[in-house]
Amino acid sequence: MNLSKVDNPFLSPYPLNPKGDIVPLKKIDDRHYTELSEKESPDKVGESFAEVFKKAHEQVNDLQVNANSLTQKMVYDPNSVDVHELMIASEKARISLTFTKTIADGVVKAYRELTNLR
C-alpha cells in the first residue's frame, strides 16, 4: 500500500497544529500573492520614551534647518524664494522650538517635584 503525502497527515508539509496564529503559506504559482505582512503582536509596545523624544527633537531640528536654509537662500538669491514661504517656515520653526522648550521645562519641573517629595 503506497500512501502519498496528502493521504498521510504525518508526512504532510502543512502541520495540523500550527504554532501560534501564523500559518505559513507556500507559493506554488508565480501569480500567487507573495507580499504578506505579519500582524503586530498586541504585546508589542510602541517606541520607548527616549525614542519618541529623539524623533521629536529631530523634527524640530529639521524645521530649524529648513528655515535657516531658506533665509540664507533669500540673502544670496532673493528672486528664488517666496517671502511667504520663508515666513511660514520661520514661524513653524519658532513655534516648534517654543513648544519643545515648554515641554522640556515642564518635564524638569515635574522631575524636581518628584525628587523633592516630603
PDB file of N, CA and C in Angstrom:
ATOM      1  N   MET A   1       0.845  -1.176   0.000  1.00  0.00           N
ATOM      2  CA  MET A   1       0.000   0.000   0.000  1.00  0.00           C
ATOM      3  C   MET A   1       0.891   1.239   0.000  1.00  0.00           C
ATOM      4  N   ASN A   2       0.700   2.112  -0.981  1.00  0.00           N
ATOM      5  CA  ASN A   2       1.529   3.303  -1.149  1.00  0.00           C
ATOM      6  C   ASN A   2       0.721   4.523  -0.717  1.00  0.00           C
ATOM      7  N   LEU A   3       1.173   5.178   0.326  1.00  0.00           N
ATOM      8  CA  LEU A   3       0.481   6.369   0.807  1.00  0.00           C
ATOM      9  C   LEU A   3       1.210   7.607   0.322  1.00  0.00           C
ATOM     10  N   SER A   4       0.474   8.504  -0.251  1.00  0.00           N
ATOM     11  CA  SER A   4       1.101   9.760  -0.662  1.00  0.00           C
ATOM     12  C   SER A   4       1.161  10.704   0.537  1.00  0.00           C
ATOM     13  N   LYS A   5       1.847  11.820   0.357  1.00  0.00           N
ATOM     14  CA  LYS A   5       1.983  12.793   1.442  1.00  0.00           C
ATOM     15  C   LYS A   5       0.639  13.392   1.836  1.00  0.00           C
ATOM     16  N   VAL A   6      -0.267  13.522   0.874  1.00  0.00           N
ATOM     17  CA  VAL A   6      -1.562  14.122   1.165  1.00  0.00           C
ATOM     18  C   VAL A   6      -2.424  13.164   1.987  1.00  0.00           C
ATOM     19  N   ASP A   7      -2.315  11.874   1.688  1.00  0.00           N
ATOM     20  CA  ASP A   7      -3.122  10.885   2.401  1.00  0.00           C
ATOM     21  C   ASP A   7      -2.649  10.688   3.836  1.00  0.00           C
ATOM     22  N   ASN A   8      -1.370  10.835   4.078  1.00  0.00           N
ATOM     23  CA  ASN A   8      -0.802  10.602   5.402  1.00  0.00           C
ATOM     24  C   ASN A   8      -0.578  11.944   6.092  1.00  0.00           C
ATOM     25  N   PRO A   9      -1.327  12.261   7.156  1.00  0.00           N
ATOM     26  CA  PRO A   9      -1.167  13.572   7.795  1.00  0.00           C
ATOM     27  C   PRO A   9       0.180  13.750   8.469  1.00  0.00           C
ATOM     28  N   PHE A  10       0.876  12.646   8.784  1.00  0.00           N
ATOM     29  CA  PHE A  10       2.173  12.764   9.447  1.00  0.00           C
ATOM     30  C   PHE A  10       3.272  13.173   8.481  1.00  0.00           C
ATOM     31  N   LEU A  11       3.065  12.971   7.187  1.00  0.00           N
ATOM     32  CA  LEU A  11       4.052  13.332   6.177  1.00  0.00           C
ATOM     33  C   LEU A  11       3.690  14.614   5.436  1.00  0.00           C
ATOM     34  N   SER A  12       2.611  15.239   5.810  1.00  0.00           N
ATOM     35  CA  SER A  12       2.133  16.436   5.129  1.00  0.00           C
ATOM     36  C   SER A  12       3.070  17.616   5.370  1.00  0.00           C
ATOM     37  N   PRO A  13       3.319  18.449   4.344  1.00  0.00           N
ATOM     38  CA  PRO A  13       4.153  19.632   4.555  1.00  0.00           C
ATOM     39  C   PRO A  13       3.423  20.712   5.356  1.00  0.00           C
ATOM     40  N   TYR A  14       2.119  20.573   5.522  1.00  0.00           N
ATOM     41  CA  TYR A  14       1.326  21.531   6.275  1.00  0.00           C
ATOM     42  C   TYR A  14       0.980  20.914   7.625  1.00  0.00           C
ATOM     43  N   PRO A  15       1.508  21.449   8.710  1.00  0.00           N
ATOM     44  CA  PRO A  15       1.237  20.836  10.014  1.00  0.00           C
ATOM     45  C   PRO A  15      -0.218  21.012  10.415  1.00  0.00           C
ATOM     46  N   LEU A  16      -0.731  19.994  11.146  1.00  0.00           N
ATOM     47  CA  LEU A  16      -2.103  20.057  11.605  1.00  0.00           C
ATOM     48  C   LEU A  16      -2.254  21.050  12.753  1.00  0.00           C
ATOM     49  N   ASN A  17      -1.247  21.211  13.547  1.00  0.00           N
ATOM     50  CA  ASN A  17      -1.274  22.139  14.675  1.00  0.00           C
ATOM     51  C   ASN A  17      -0.206  23.212  14.466  1.00  0.00           C
ATOM     52  N   PRO A  18      -0.532  24.265  13.741  1.00  0.00           N
ATOM     53  CA  PRO A  18       0.478  25.306  13.518  1.00  0.00           C
ATOM     54  C   PRO A  18       0.823  26.008  14.823  1.00  0.00           C
ATOM     55  N   LYS A  19       2.029  26.517  14.880  1.00  0.00           N
ATOM     56  CA  LYS A  19       2.473  27.223  16.077  1.00  0.00           C
ATOM     57  C   LYS A  19       1.901  28.634  16.058  1.00  0.00           C
ATOM     58  N   GLY A  20       1.195  28.990  17.094  1.00  0.00           N
ATOM     59  CA  GLY A  20       0.630  30.329  17.184  1.00  0.00           C
ATOM     60  C   GLY A  20      -0.500  30.528  16.198  1.00  0.00           C
ATOM     61  N   ASP A  21      -0.717  31.743  15.818  1.00  0.00           N
ATOM     62  CA  ASP A  21      -1.781  32.069  14.882  1.00  0.00           C
ATOM     63  C   ASP A  21      -1.244  32.355  13.491  1.00  0.00           C
ATOM     64  N   ILE A  22       0.037  32.067  13.257  1.00  0.00           N
ATOM     65  CA  ILE A  22       0.638  32.309  11.953  1.00  0.00           C
ATOM     66  C   ILE A  22       0.752  30.982  11.220  1.00  0.00           C
ATOM     67  N   VAL A  23       0.098  30.890  10.086  1.00  0.00           N
ATOM     68  CA  VAL A  23       0.130  29.680   9.272  1.00  0.00           C
ATOM     69  C   VAL A  23       0.968  29.993   8.044  1.00  0.00           C
ATOM     70  N   PRO A  24       2.047  29.229   7.815  1.00  0.00           N
ATOM     71  CA  PRO A  24       2.881  29.525   6.650  1.00  0.00           C
ATOM     72  C   PRO A  24       2.160  29.175   5.349  1.00  0.00           C
ATOM     73  N   LEU A  25       2.298  30.037   4.366  1.00  0.00           N
ATOM     74  CA  LEU A  25       1.705  29.796   3.061  1.00  0.00           C
ATOM     75  C   LEU A  25       2.815  29.492   2.070  1.00  0.00           C
ATOM     76  N   LYS A  26       2.579  28.533   1.221  1.00  0.00           N
ATOM     77  CA  LYS A  26       3.581  28.166   0.228  1.00  0.00           C
ATOM     78  C   LYS A  26       3.146  28.689  -1.131  1.00  0.00           C
ATOM     79  N   LYS A  27       4.089  29.245  -1.853  1.00  0.00           N
ATOM     80  CA  LYS A  27       3.819  29.777  -3.179  1.00  0.00           C
ATOM     81  C   LYS A  27       4.042  28.671  -4.200  1.00  0.00           C
ATOM     82  N   ILE A  28       2.982  28.335  -4.908  1.00  0.00           N
ATOM     83  CA  ILE A  28       3.068  27.269  -5.900  1.00  0.00           C
ATOM     84  C   ILE A  28       3.148  27.859  -7.304  1.00  0.00           C
ATOM     85  N   ASP A  29       2.421  28.923  -7.526  1.00  0.00           N
ATOM     86  CA  ASP A  29       2.361  29.539  -8.840  1.00  0.00           C
ATOM     87  C   ASP A  29       2.888  30.973  -8.737  1.00  0.00           C
ATOM     88  N   ASP A  30       3.538  31.474  -9.789  1.00  0.00           N
ATOM     89  CA  ASP A  30       4.089  32.840  -9.764  1.00  0.00           C
ATOM     90  C   ASP A  30       3.011  33.908  -9.662  1.00  0.00           C
ATOM     91  N   ARG A  31       1.781  33.567 -10.016  1.00  0.00           N
ATOM     92  CA  ARG A  31       0.705  34.551  -9.953  1.00  0.00           C
ATOM     93  C   ARG A  31       0.134  34.712  -8.556  1.00  0.00           C
ATOM     94  N   HIS A  32       0.564  33.887  -7.612  1.00  0.00           N
ATOM     95  CA  HIS A  32       0.053  33.979  -6.254  1.00  0.00           C
ATOM     96  C   HIS A  32       0.578  35.222  -5.552  1.00  0.00           C
ATOM     97  N   TYR A  33      -0.209  35.689  -4.658  1.00  0.00           N
ATOM     98  CA  TYR A  33       0.154  36.879  -3.878  1.00  0.00           C
ATOM     99  C   TYR A  33       1.283  36.499  -2.929  1.00  0.00           C
ATOM    100  N   THR A  34       2.398  37.231  -2.989  1.00  0.00           N
ATOM    101  CA  THR A  34       3.550  36.855  -2.170  1.00  0.00           C
ATOM    102  C   THR A  34       3.833  37.827  -1.040  1.00  0.00           C
ATOM    103  N   GLU A  35       3.368  39.040  -1.098  1.00  0.00           N
ATOM    104  CA  GLU A  35       3.663  40.022  -0.057  1.00  0.00           C
ATOM    105  C   GLU A  35       2.666  39.873   1.087  1.00  0.00           C
ATOM    106  N   LEU A  36       3.087  39.239   2.138  1.00  0.00           N
ATOM    107  CA  LEU A  36       2.240  39.044   3.297  1.00  0.00           C
ATOM    108  C   LEU A  36       2.831  39.809   4.466  1.00  0.00           C
ATOM    109  N   SER A  37       2.049  40.660   5.059  1.00  0.00           N
ATOM    110  CA  SER A  37       2.536  41.389   6.221  1.00  0.00           C
ATOM    111  C   SER A  37       2.033  40.693   7.475  1.00  0.00           C
ATOM    112  N   GLU A  38       2.942  40.521   8.417  1.00  0.00           N
ATOM    113  CA  GLU A  38       2.560  39.877   9.660  1.00  0.00           C
ATOM    114  C   GLU A  38       1.881  40.901  10.559  1.00  0.00           C
ATOM    115  N   LYS A  39       0.878  40.447  11.277  1.00  0.00           N
ATOM    116  CA  LYS A  39       0.197  41.329  12.211  1.00  0.00           C
ATOM    117  C   LYS A  39       1.100  41.584  13.404  1.00  0.00           C
ATOM    118  N   GLU A  40       1.025  42.798  13.938  1.00  0.00           N
ATOM    119  CA  GLU A  40       1.808  43.107  15.118  1.00  0.00           C
ATOM    120  C   GLU A  40       1.188  42.430  16.331  1.00  0.00           C
ATOM    121  N   SER A  41       2.043  41.968  17.182  1.00  0.00           N
ATOM    122  CA  SER A  41       1.589  41.324  18.403  1.00  0.00           C
ATOM    123  C   SER A  41       0.961  42.367  19.317  1.00  0.00           C
ATOM    124  N   PRO A  42      -0.132  42.029  20.009  1.00  0.00           N
ATOM    125  CA  PRO A  42      -0.712  43.004  20.931  1.00  0.00           C
ATOM    126  C   PRO A  42       0.191  43.261  22.136  1.00  0.00           C
ATOM    127  N   ASP A  43       1.173  42.376  22.349  1.00  0.00           N
ATOM    128  CA  ASP A  43       2.110  42.572  23.450  1.00  0.00           C
ATOM    129  C   ASP A  43       3.208  43.556  23.094  1.00  0.00           C
ATOM    130  N   LYS A  44       3.363  43.855  21.812  1.00  0.00           N
ATOM    131  CA  LYS A  44       4.433  44.756  21.391  1.00  0.00           C
ATOM    132  C   LYS A  44       4.090  46.187  21.802  1.00  0.00           C
ATOM    133  N   VAL A  45       4.988  46.765  22.531  1.00  0.00           N
ATOM    134  CA  VAL A  45       4.825  48.144  22.962  1.00  0.00           C
ATOM    135  C   VAL A  45       5.446  49.018  21.880  1.00  0.00           C
ATOM    136  N   GLY A  46       4.931  50.208  21.719  1.00  0.00           N
ATOM    137  CA  GLY A  46       5.477  51.128  20.731  1.00  0.00           C
ATOM    138  C   GLY A  46       6.912  51.485  21.046  1.00  0.00           C
ATOM    139  N   GLU A  47       7.309  52.591  20.583  1.00  0.00           N
ATOM    140  CA  GLU A  47       8.678  53.036  20.803  1.00  0.00           C
ATOM    141  C   GLU A  47       8.900  53.396  22.263  1.00  0.00           C
ATOM    142  N   SER A  48      10.149  53.413  22.635  1.00  0.00           N
ATOM    143  CA  SER A  48      10.458  53.793  24.004  1.00  0.00           C
ATOM    144  C   SER A  48      10.295  55.301  24.160  1.00  0.00           C
ATOM    145  N   PHE A  49      10.244  55.722  25.392  1.00  0.00           N
ATOM    146  CA  PHE A  49      10.058  57.144  25.708  1.00  0.00           C
ATOM    147  C   PHE A  49      11.193  57.968  25.117  1.00  0.00           C
ATOM    148  N   ALA A  50      12.408  57.447  25.219  1.00  0.00           N
ATOM    149  CA  ALA A  50      13.582  58.164  24.693  1.00  0.00           C
ATOM    150  C   ALA A  50      13.525  58.292  23.179  1.00  0.00           C
ATOM    151  N   GLU A  51      13.071  57.239  22.483  1.00  0.00           N
ATOM    152  CA  GLU A  51      12.983  57.288  21.023  1.00  0.00           C
ATOM    153  C   GLU A  51      11.960  58.311  20.556  1.00  0.00           C
ATOM    154  N   VAL A  52      10.856  58.425  21.281  1.00  0.00           N
ATOM    155  CA  VAL A  52       9.823  59.402  20.915  1.00  0.00           C
ATOM    156  C   VAL A  52      10.380  60.814  21.039  1.00  0.00           C
ATOM    157  N   PHE A  53      11.075  61.091  22.137  1.00  0.00           N
ATOM    158  CA  PHE A  53      11.656  62.419  22.310  1.00  0.00           C
ATOM    159  C   PHE A  53      12.758  62.687  21.300  1.00  0.00           C
ATOM    160  N   LYS A  54      13.535  61.663  20.963  1.00  0.00           N
ATOM    161  CA  LYS A  54      14.603  61.846  19.982  1.00  0.00           C
ATOM    162  C   LYS A  54      14.018  62.218  18.617  1.00  0.00           C
ATOM    163  N   LYS A  55      12.955  61.512  18.207  1.00  0.00           N
ATOM    164  CA  LYS A  55      12.324  61.823  16.923  1.00  0.00           C
ATOM    165  C   LYS A  55      11.713  63.224  16.928  1.00  0.00           C
ATOM    166  N   ALA A  56      11.116  63.610  18.053  1.00  0.00           N
ATOM    167  CA  ALA A  56      10.519  64.945  18.148  1.00  0.00           C
ATOM    168  C   ALA A  56      11.604  66.014  18.025  1.00  0.00           C
ATOM    169  N   HIS A  57      12.725  65.810  18.680  1.00  0.00           N
ATOM    170  CA  HIS A  57      13.814  66.783  18.582  1.00  0.00           C
ATOM    171  C   HIS A  57      14.404  66.824  17.169  1.00  0.00           C
ATOM    172  N   GLU A  58      14.453  65.679  16.505  1.00  0.00           N
ATOM    173  CA  GLU A  58      14.930  65.662  15.127  1.00  0.00           C
ATOM    174  C   GLU A  58      13.997  66.453  14.211  1.00  0.00           C
ATOM    175  N   GLN A  59      12.689  66.339  14.430  1.00  0.00           N
ATOM    176  CA  GLN A  59      11.737  67.088  13.616  1.00  0.00           C
ATOM    177  C   GLN A  59      11.873  68.587  13.862  1.00  0.00           C
ATOM    178  N   VAL A  60      12.074  68.968  15.123  1.00  0.00           N
ATOM    179  CA  VAL A  60      12.263  70.384  15.439  1.00  0.00           C
ATOM    180  C   VAL A  60      13.544  70.883  14.770  1.00  0.00           C
ATOM    181  N   ASN A  61      14.598  70.076  14.822  1.00  0.00           N
ATOM    182  CA  ASN A  61      15.854  70.462  14.193  1.00  0.00           C
ATOM    183  C   ASN A  61      15.688  70.600  12.683  1.00  0.00           C
ATOM    184  N   ASP A  62      14.940  69.687  12.068  1.00  0.00           N
ATOM    185  CA  ASP A  62      14.715  69.770  10.621  1.00  0.00           C
ATOM    186  C   ASP A  62      13.991  71.059  10.240  1.00  0.00           C
ATOM    187  N   LEU A  63      13.008  71.451  11.051  1.00  0.00           N
ATOM    188  CA  LEU A  63      12.304  72.716  10.786  1.00  0.00           C
ATOM    189  C   LEU A  63      13.246  73.905  10.919  1.00  0.00           C
ATOM    190  N   GLN A  64      14.116  73.869  11.913  1.00  0.00           N
ATOM    191  CA  GLN A  64      15.078  74.957  12.098  1.00  0.00           C
ATOM    192  C   GLN A  64      16.058  75.039  10.922  1.00  0.00           C
ATOM    193  N   VAL A  65      16.546  73.877  10.475  1.00  0.00           N
ATOM    194  CA  VAL A  65      17.488  73.843   9.353  1.00  0.00           C
ATOM    195  C   VAL A  65      16.814  74.336   8.074  1.00  0.00           C
ATOM    196  N   ASN A  66      15.562  73.938   7.856  1.00  0.00           N
ATOM    197  CA  ASN A  66      14.825  74.378   6.665  1.00  0.00           C
ATOM    198  C   ASN A  66      14.645  75.901   6.671  1.00  0.00           C
ATOM    199  N   ALA A  67      14.253  76.453   7.805  1.00  0.00           N
ATOM    200  CA  ALA A  67      14.070  77.907   7.896  1.00  0.00           C
ATOM    201  C   ALA A  67      15.393  78.628   7.691  1.00  0.00           C
ATOM    202  N   ASN A  68      16.466  78.093   8.249  1.00  0.00           N
ATOM    203  CA  ASN A  68      17.774  78.725   8.100  1.00  0.00           C
ATOM    204  C   ASN A  68      18.254  78.674   6.650  1.00  0.00           C
ATOM    205  N   SER A  69      18.047  77.543   5.982  1.00  0.00           N
ATOM    206  CA  SER A  69      18.482  77.442   4.585  1.00  0.00           C
ATOM    207  C   SER A  69      17.675  78.373   3.683  1.00  0.00           C
ATOM    208  N   LEU A  70      16.363  78.511   3.957  1.00  0.00           N
ATOM    209  CA  LEU A  70      15.559  79.457   3.169  1.00  0.00           C
ATOM    210  C   LEU A  70      16.009  80.903   3.420  1.00  0.00           C
ATOM    211  N   THR A  71      16.368  81.211   4.661  1.00  0.00           N
ATOM    212  CA  THR A  71      16.842  82.559   4.975  1.00  0.00           C
ATOM    213  C   THR A  71      18.148  82.844   4.246  1.00  0.00           C
ATOM    214  N   GLN A  72      19.064  81.902   4.246  1.00  0.00           N
ATOM    215  CA  GLN A  72      20.330  82.093   3.544  1.00  0.00           C
ATOM    216  C   GLN A  72      20.115  82.217   2.040  1.00  0.00           C
ATOM    217  N   LYS A  73      19.208  81.420   1.518  1.00  0.00           N
ATOM    218  CA  LYS A  73      18.908  81.484   0.085  1.00  0.00           C
ATOM    219  C   LYS A  73      18.290  82.832  -0.275  1.00  0.00           C
ATOM    220  N   MET A  74      17.495  83.374   0.630  1.00  0.00           N
ATOM    221  CA  MET A  74      16.875  84.685   0.402  1.00  0.00           C
ATOM    222  C   MET A  74      17.937  85.784   0.326  1.00  0.00           C
ATOM    223  N   VAL A  75      19.017  85.615   1.064  1.00  0.00           N
ATOM    224  CA  VAL A  75      20.077  86.630   1.084  1.00  0.00           C
ATOM    225  C   VAL A  75      20.853  86.637  -0.226  1.00  0.00           C
ATOM    226  N   TYR A  76      21.274  85.461  -0.714  1.00  0.00           N
ATOM    227  CA  TYR A  76      22.113  85.452  -1.907  1.00  0.00           C
ATOM    228  C   TYR A  76      21.338  85.317  -3.211  1.00  0.00           C
ATOM    229  N   ASP A  77      20.068  84.910  -3.174  1.00  0.00           N
ATOM    230  CA  ASP A  77      19.257  84.835  -4.391  1.00  0.00           C
ATOM    231  C   ASP A  77      17.806  85.164  -4.041  1.00  0.00           C
ATOM    232  N   PRO A  78      17.489  86.447  -3.882  1.00  0.00           N
ATOM    233  CA  PRO A  78      16.159  86.838  -3.402  1.00  0.00           C
ATOM    234  C   PRO A  78      15.003  86.440  -4.310  1.00  0.00           C
ATOM    235  N   ASN A  79      15.238  86.313  -5.586  1.00  0.00           N
ATOM    236  CA  ASN A  79      14.151  86.002  -6.506  1.00  0.00           C
ATOM    237  C   ASN A  79      13.764  84.515  -6.492  1.00  0.00           C
ATOM    238  N   SER A  80      14.585  83.660  -5.905  1.00  0.00           N
ATOM    239  CA  SER A  80      14.301  82.230  -5.926  1.00  0.00           C
ATOM    240  C   SER A  80      13.412  81.781  -4.760  1.00  0.00           C
ATOM    241  N   VAL A  81      13.243  82.642  -3.754  1.00  0.00           N
ATOM    242  CA  VAL A  81      12.470  82.283  -2.569  1.00  0.00           C
ATOM    243  C   VAL A  81      11.297  83.246  -2.417  1.00  0.00           C
ATOM    244  N   ASP A  82      10.136  82.683  -2.184  1.00  0.00           N
ATOM    245  CA  ASP A  82       8.957  83.494  -1.925  1.00  0.00           C
ATOM    246  C   ASP A  82       8.983  83.930  -0.453  1.00  0.00           C
ATOM    247  N   VAL A  83       8.684  85.187  -0.211  1.00  0.00           N
ATOM    248  CA  VAL A  83       8.727  85.729   1.146  1.00  0.00           C
ATOM    249  C   VAL A  83       7.734  84.999   2.048  1.00  0.00           C
ATOM    250  N   HIS A  84       6.594  84.620   1.493  1.00  0.00           N
ATOM    251  CA  HIS A  84       5.583  83.930   2.281  1.00  0.00           C
ATOM    252  C   HIS A  84       6.094  82.557   2.759  1.00  0.00           C
ATOM    253  N   GLU A  85       6.785  81.831   1.871  1.00  0.00           N
ATOM    254  CA  GLU A  85       7.345  80.541   2.251  1.00  0.00           C
ATOM    255  C   GLU A  85       8.381  80.697   3.361  1.00  0.00           C
ATOM    256  N   LEU A  86       9.194  81.736   3.249  1.00  0.00           N
ATOM    257  CA  LEU A  86      10.212  81.997   4.258  1.00  0.00           C
ATOM    258  C   LEU A  86       9.569  82.300   5.607  1.00  0.00           C
ATOM    259  N   MET A  87       8.550  83.132   5.620  1.00  0.00           N
ATOM    260  CA  MET A  87       7.888  83.483   6.880  1.00  0.00           C
ATOM    261  C   MET A  87       7.167  82.288   7.495  1.00  0.00           C
ATOM    262  N   ILE A  88       6.531  81.475   6.665  1.00  0.00           N
ATOM    263  CA  ILE A  88       5.838  80.292   7.172  1.00  0.00           C
ATOM    264  C   ILE A  88       6.845  79.315   7.774  1.00  0.00           C
ATOM    265  N   ALA A  89       7.960  79.076   7.083  1.00  0.00           N
ATOM    266  CA  ALA A  89       8.988  78.163   7.595  1.00  0.00           C
ATOM    267  C   ALA A  89       9.585  78.694   8.893  1.00  0.00           C
ATOM    268  N   SER A  90       9.811  80.005   8.952  1.00  0.00           N
ATOM    269  CA  SER A  90      10.378  80.601  10.167  1.00  0.00           C
ATOM    270  C   SER A  90       9.419  80.493  11.346  1.00  0.00           C
ATOM    271  N   GLU A  91       8.151  80.728  11.109  1.00  0.00           N
ATOM    272  CA  GLU A  91       7.168  80.628  12.197  1.00  0.00           C
ATOM    273  C   GLU A  91       6.968  79.184  12.652  1.00  0.00           C
ATOM    274  N   LYS A  92       6.975  78.239  11.716  1.00  0.00           N
ATOM    275  CA  LYS A  92       6.891  76.829  12.103  1.00  0.00           C
ATOM    276  C   LYS A  92       8.070  76.462  13.002  1.00  0.00           C
ATOM    277  N   ALA A  93       9.253  76.923  12.623  1.00  0.00           N
ATOM    278  CA  ALA A  93      10.442  76.618  13.418  1.00  0.00           C
ATOM    279  C   ALA A  93      10.359  77.279  14.789  1.00  0.00           C
ATOM    280  N   ARG A  94       9.900  78.525  14.841  1.00  0.00           N
ATOM    281  CA  ARG A  94       9.808  79.242  16.117  1.00  0.00           C
ATOM    282  C   ARG A  94       8.785  78.587  17.041  1.00  0.00           C
ATOM    283  N   ILE A  95       7.623  78.251  16.489  1.00  0.00           N
ATOM    284  CA  ILE A  95       6.573  77.640  17.303  1.00  0.00           C
ATOM    285  C   ILE A  95       7.004  76.265  17.808  1.00  0.00           C
ATOM    286  N   SER A  96       7.623  75.469  16.944  1.00  0.00           N
ATOM    287  CA  SER A  96       8.048  74.137  17.379  1.00  0.00           C
ATOM    288  C   SER A  96       9.133  74.219  18.442  1.00  0.00           C
ATOM    289  N   LEU A  97      10.044  75.184  18.322  1.00  0.00           N
ATOM    290  CA  LEU A  97      11.083  75.354  19.336  1.00  0.00           C
ATOM    291  C   LEU A  97      10.486  75.836  20.653  1.00  0.00           C
ATOM    292  N   THR A  98       9.540  76.753  20.597  1.00  0.00           N
ATOM    293  CA  THR A  98       8.883  77.237  21.810  1.00  0.00           C
ATOM    294  C   THR A  98       8.112  76.113  22.491  1.00  0.00           C
ATOM    295  N   PHE A  99       7.402  75.316  21.709  1.00  0.00           N
ATOM    296  CA  PHE A  99       6.639  74.198  22.262  1.00  0.00           C
ATOM    297  C   PHE A  99       7.572  73.170  22.903  1.00  0.00           C
ATOM    298  N   THR A 100       8.682  72.876  22.229  1.00  0.00           N
ATOM    299  CA  THR A 100       9.656  71.925  22.765  1.00  0.00           C
ATOM    300  C   THR A 100      10.256  72.433  24.065  1.00  0.00           C
ATOM    301  N   LYS A 101      10.579  73.710  24.114  1.00  0.00           N
ATOM    302  CA  LYS A 101      11.146  74.301  25.328  1.00  0.00           C
ATOM    303  C   LYS A 101      10.121  74.258  26.469  1.00  0.00           C
ATOM    304  N   THR A 102       8.875  74.511  26.173  1.00  0.00           N
ATOM    305  CA  THR A 102       7.821  74.455  27.194  1.00  0.00           C
ATOM    306  C   THR A 102       7.677  73.041  27.756  1.00  0.00           C
ATOM    307  N   ILE A 103       7.697  72.050  26.878  1.00  0.00           N
ATOM    308  CA  ILE A 103       7.589  70.661  27.328  1.00  0.00           C
ATOM    309  C   ILE A 103       8.809  70.277  28.163  1.00  0.00           C
ATOM    310  N   ALA A 104       9.992  70.671  27.720  1.00  0.00           N
ATOM    311  CA  ALA A 104      11.208  70.348  28.475  1.00  0.00           C
ATOM    312  C   ALA A 104      11.171  71.000  29.852  1.00  0.00           C
ATOM    313  N   ASP A 105      10.719  72.245  29.934  1.00  0.00           N
ATOM    314  CA  ASP A 105      10.612  72.917  31.233  1.00  0.00           C
ATOM    315  C   ASP A 105       9.611  72.198  32.136  1.00  0.00           C
ATOM    316  N   GLY A 106       8.507  71.743  31.566  1.00  0.00           N
ATOM    317  CA  GLY A 106       7.512  71.007  32.339  1.00  0.00           C
ATOM    318  C   GLY A 106       8.049  69.683  32.852  1.00  0.00           C
ATOM    319  N   VAL A 107       8.831  68.993  32.036  1.00  0.00           N
ATOM    320  CA  VAL A 107       9.412  67.724  32.455  1.00  0.00           C
ATOM    321  C   VAL A 107      10.416  67.953  33.584  1.00  0.00           C
ATOM    322  N   VAL A 108      11.242  68.986  33.465  1.00  0.00           N
ATOM    323  CA  VAL A 108      12.211  69.294  34.517  1.00  0.00           C
ATOM    324  C   VAL A 108      11.494  69.674  35.807  1.00  0.00           C
ATOM    325  N   LYS A 109      10.438  70.456  35.692  1.00  0.00           N
ATOM    326  CA  LYS A 109       9.679  70.852  36.879  1.00  0.00           C
ATOM    327  C   LYS A 109       9.048  69.635  37.555  1.00  0.00           C
ATOM    328  N   ALA A 110       8.468  68.739  36.761  1.00  0.00           N
ATOM    329  CA  ALA A 110       7.862  67.531  37.321  1.00  0.00           C
ATOM    330  C   ALA A 110       8.912  66.651  37.984  1.00  0.00           C
ATOM    331  N   TYR A 111      10.085  66.554  37.368  1.00  0.00           N
ATOM    332  CA  TYR A 111      11.163  65.757  37.970  1.00  0.00           C
ATOM    333  C   TYR A 111      11.599  66.347  39.305  1.00  0.00           C
ATOM    334  N   ARG A 112      11.732  67.659  39.349  1.00  0.00           N
ATOM    335  CA  ARG A 112      12.128  68.302  40.614  1.00  0.00           C
ATOM    336  C   ARG A 112      11.086  68.096  41.697  1.00  0.00           C
ATOM    337  N   GLU A 113       9.814  68.161  41.325  1.00  0.00           N
ATOM    338  CA  GLU A 113       8.756  67.940  42.313  1.00  0.00           C
ATOM    339  C   GLU A 113       8.758  66.497  42.821  1.00  0.00           C
ATOM    340  N   LEU A 114       9.047  65.558  41.930  1.00  0.00           N
ATOM    341  CA  LEU A 114       9.090  64.158  42.366  1.00  0.00           C
ATOM    342  C   LEU A 114      10.290  63.875  43.261  1.00  0.00           C
ATOM    343  N   THR A 115      11.414  64.500  42.962  1.00  0.00           N
ATOM    344  CA  THR A 115      12.601  64.257  43.779  1.00  0.00           C
ATOM    345  C   THR A 115      12.540  64.999  45.123  1.00  0.00           C
ATOM    346  N   ASN A 116      11.741  66.028  45.240  1.00  0.00           N
ATOM    347  CA  ASN A 116      11.649  66.803  46.477  1.00  0.00           C
ATOM    348  C   ASN A 116      10.397  66.470  47.273  1.00  0.00           C
ATOM    349  N   LEU A 117       9.877  65.253  47.114  1.00  0.00           N
ATOM    350  CA  LEU A 117       8.697  64.869  47.878  1.00  0.00           C
ATOM    351  C   LEU A 117       9.043  64.793  49.366  1.00  0.00           C
ATOM    352  N   ARG A 118       8.116  65.220  50.195  1.00  0.00           N
ATOM    353  CA  ARG A 118       8.384  65.212  51.651  1.00  0.00           C
ATOM    354  C   ARG A 118       7.504  64.237  52.335  1.00  0.00           C
TER     355      ARG A 118
END
